[in-house]
Amino acid sequence: MRNFINKWVPIIGMLLMASGALAADVSMSIEPKLISMLDRAILKVTYTDTDGEAIDIPEVDGLSIDYQGPSRQYRMVNFKTTSTVTHSYLVTPKKVGEFTIGPVTATYKGGSKELSAALKVIPASDDSGAQQISELMFSEIATEREAPCVSEPFELTLKVFIRDGVQTTGGFNIVGGTPDQGLDGEINWEIINRGRTERNGSIYNVYTVKATVTTITAGTFRFQPQVQLNVVVPRQDHRSYPGDPFFGDLWGRQETRRIILDCNELQVKVRPVPMAGRPESFTGGIGRFDFDASVGPDEVTAGEPVTVKMRIVGRGNLTQITPPKLPESPDYKLYEVRSVPSQQPNEVRFEQVLIPKSEAVTNIPPIAFSYFNTQTSDFRTIKKGPFPISVAPMPQQTAQVISTSPTLLQQETKILGRDIVYLKPAPEQWRYADDVPWYLTTLFRTLMAVPAGLLILLSGFAARRSRLSNNVALARRQKAPGAARKQVALAEQALRKNDAAAFHEALWNALAEYFGHRLNLAPGEISAPAVVRAFEPEAAALEALFSKVEERRYGLQTGDVSSDEMKQLLRELTALLKKCERVKLK
């Protein structure tokens, strides 16, 4: 008997273990499969006769799935033991619809399996308990502009009503419910007011949020945002006491639920801007605006800049307006319009620089600004100007004459002697025969040569000053490098202070000082074409440098200039001036 037990019991045990291994499995289930927005479902992943880890459930749009933890259970039926490990997930609906969770792969000892589960969430109208939500909490959206134009901003007003006594946590979120295309940027909601009101005999807390919307195309746009908030509700199955799912609970057990509020659909018909009657001076302004312009200074010398300042104020698409421009004219040089920051709301500012070429310019032409008035549905044009100015002629070059040095005084040589010469004068002191007299020493001869050297230097200096005083062009040529270095030093000082305006002004002065002295030009005659003609080997680099410095000097380049860009521009200028210094002028 003992031999039988020792022989067959291990074999039977191995067979039972093998049969248990063959029964290992994994499954997924969800209960209940049909819920409303007030309910939740439990998703279970169950491993039978094997161990398994919790799996990552993929995100499902419209559902919130949160892991709750594992549980283990053992059962014995007909001397057969079955073990299960169950991982539970809490499923909370965010919107109605039919959802599929998975497929997801679960791996266990002995194999793997793809799992999935289906869940249906019914709308609020199909659930008596859920119908009460729309009476307790709801939202409404509206707009004052029923038919705005393309590019015209209009406001959306969303009001969130929550009955007094309903407990919420964490505020609320506004998601979705906006057109996918045709809007200029994203919609940013902002809470502007919180108050209380009465409706149908009940008191509600009202949150008012607004957003400004601009469209880039015409057509019908539909808005129905989803307001999501967390509400504290009882966990018990019977949800009414005394008839509301959010007031009271027999056992006092509560939980937080995410609710999506009902909201009406708002349709906004956006009109296109008509082509008929559109003036040439229309630059895209849509709304209601006022326009003003000024010119300064009104007394300048030919070659000096004049700034035209423009200001547009009103309600509409201010940020999308192209600034009005002055007409082209051969009498002045016109630069591009640049935007100027404004501290005032509902206002934009622009500036345009022009340089009169001669005293023939007596006024600046009028400037026209046209826009489409959305209130009267027609185009309006506002003109400002002409602007009288006084332009003085360009002054002639007044060369600085270097004064000549005074006439050098001729040194008077006096010969001193004696009336009586002794044949054998007595020596003042006795010396050795090989002593060298002091007037024959190297030191004495060197000291005697110093006055002659100084005389030669003074003569050369006097001759140079005389030559420069009689040759103004040569004198200015000698001053060119020093004048440029002085302005470059000022530019480096402005760069250390990060003063872009002073930096670019110093660069322009360096160019004007150097080439003005080098070419013997008057201040009003210094221009890129004149310099390029004289320095043909560096023509391309000079033209590019003049253009870049001039644009940044008058602020015609859009965007801020970084410190690295200013350093690079300074290096380009100094390198180019060194190259021009080696160019021999004809």
Foldseek 3Di string as FASTA:
>chain_A
DVVVCVPCVVVVVVVLVVVLVVPWDKAKEKPPQEEAQVDKIKIKIKIKSFDFDDDDWDDWPFKDKAWDAKDKDWDADPNRIMIMIMTIIIIHGAAFDKTKTDQDWTDTVPGIDTYIYIHGYDYQVVDPQSVCVQVAKAKEKDWPAQEAAAQWKTKIKMKIWGFPPWDFPDAKDKDDQWDPDFWDDDWDKDWDDWDWDDDPRTIIIMTMIMTIIHGRDFAKIKGWIWIKTKTKFAPDPPQPDPHHNRDDDPVPHIDIHIYTHGYDMDIHGYHYQDPPPDDPQEFEWEADKDKDKDKPDQEEAAQDKIKIKMKIADHTNVVRGDDWDFDDDPQKAWADKDWDDDPDPRMTMIMIMIGGHAQVDFWGAKIKYKHQHRVVRHIDIDIDDGGTGGYHYADDDDFDAQDADDDDDDDDDDDDDDPDDDPDDDDPDDDDPPDDDPCPDPVNVVVVCVVVVVVVVVVVVNVVSVVCNVPRLVVLQVCQVVQLVVLLVQLVVCLVVVNQLSNLVSLVSSQQSNCCSNVVHGSSPDDLVVVCVFVVVCNVLSVVLRVVSVCSNVVVDPDDDDSVNSVVSSVSSVVVVVVVNPDDGD
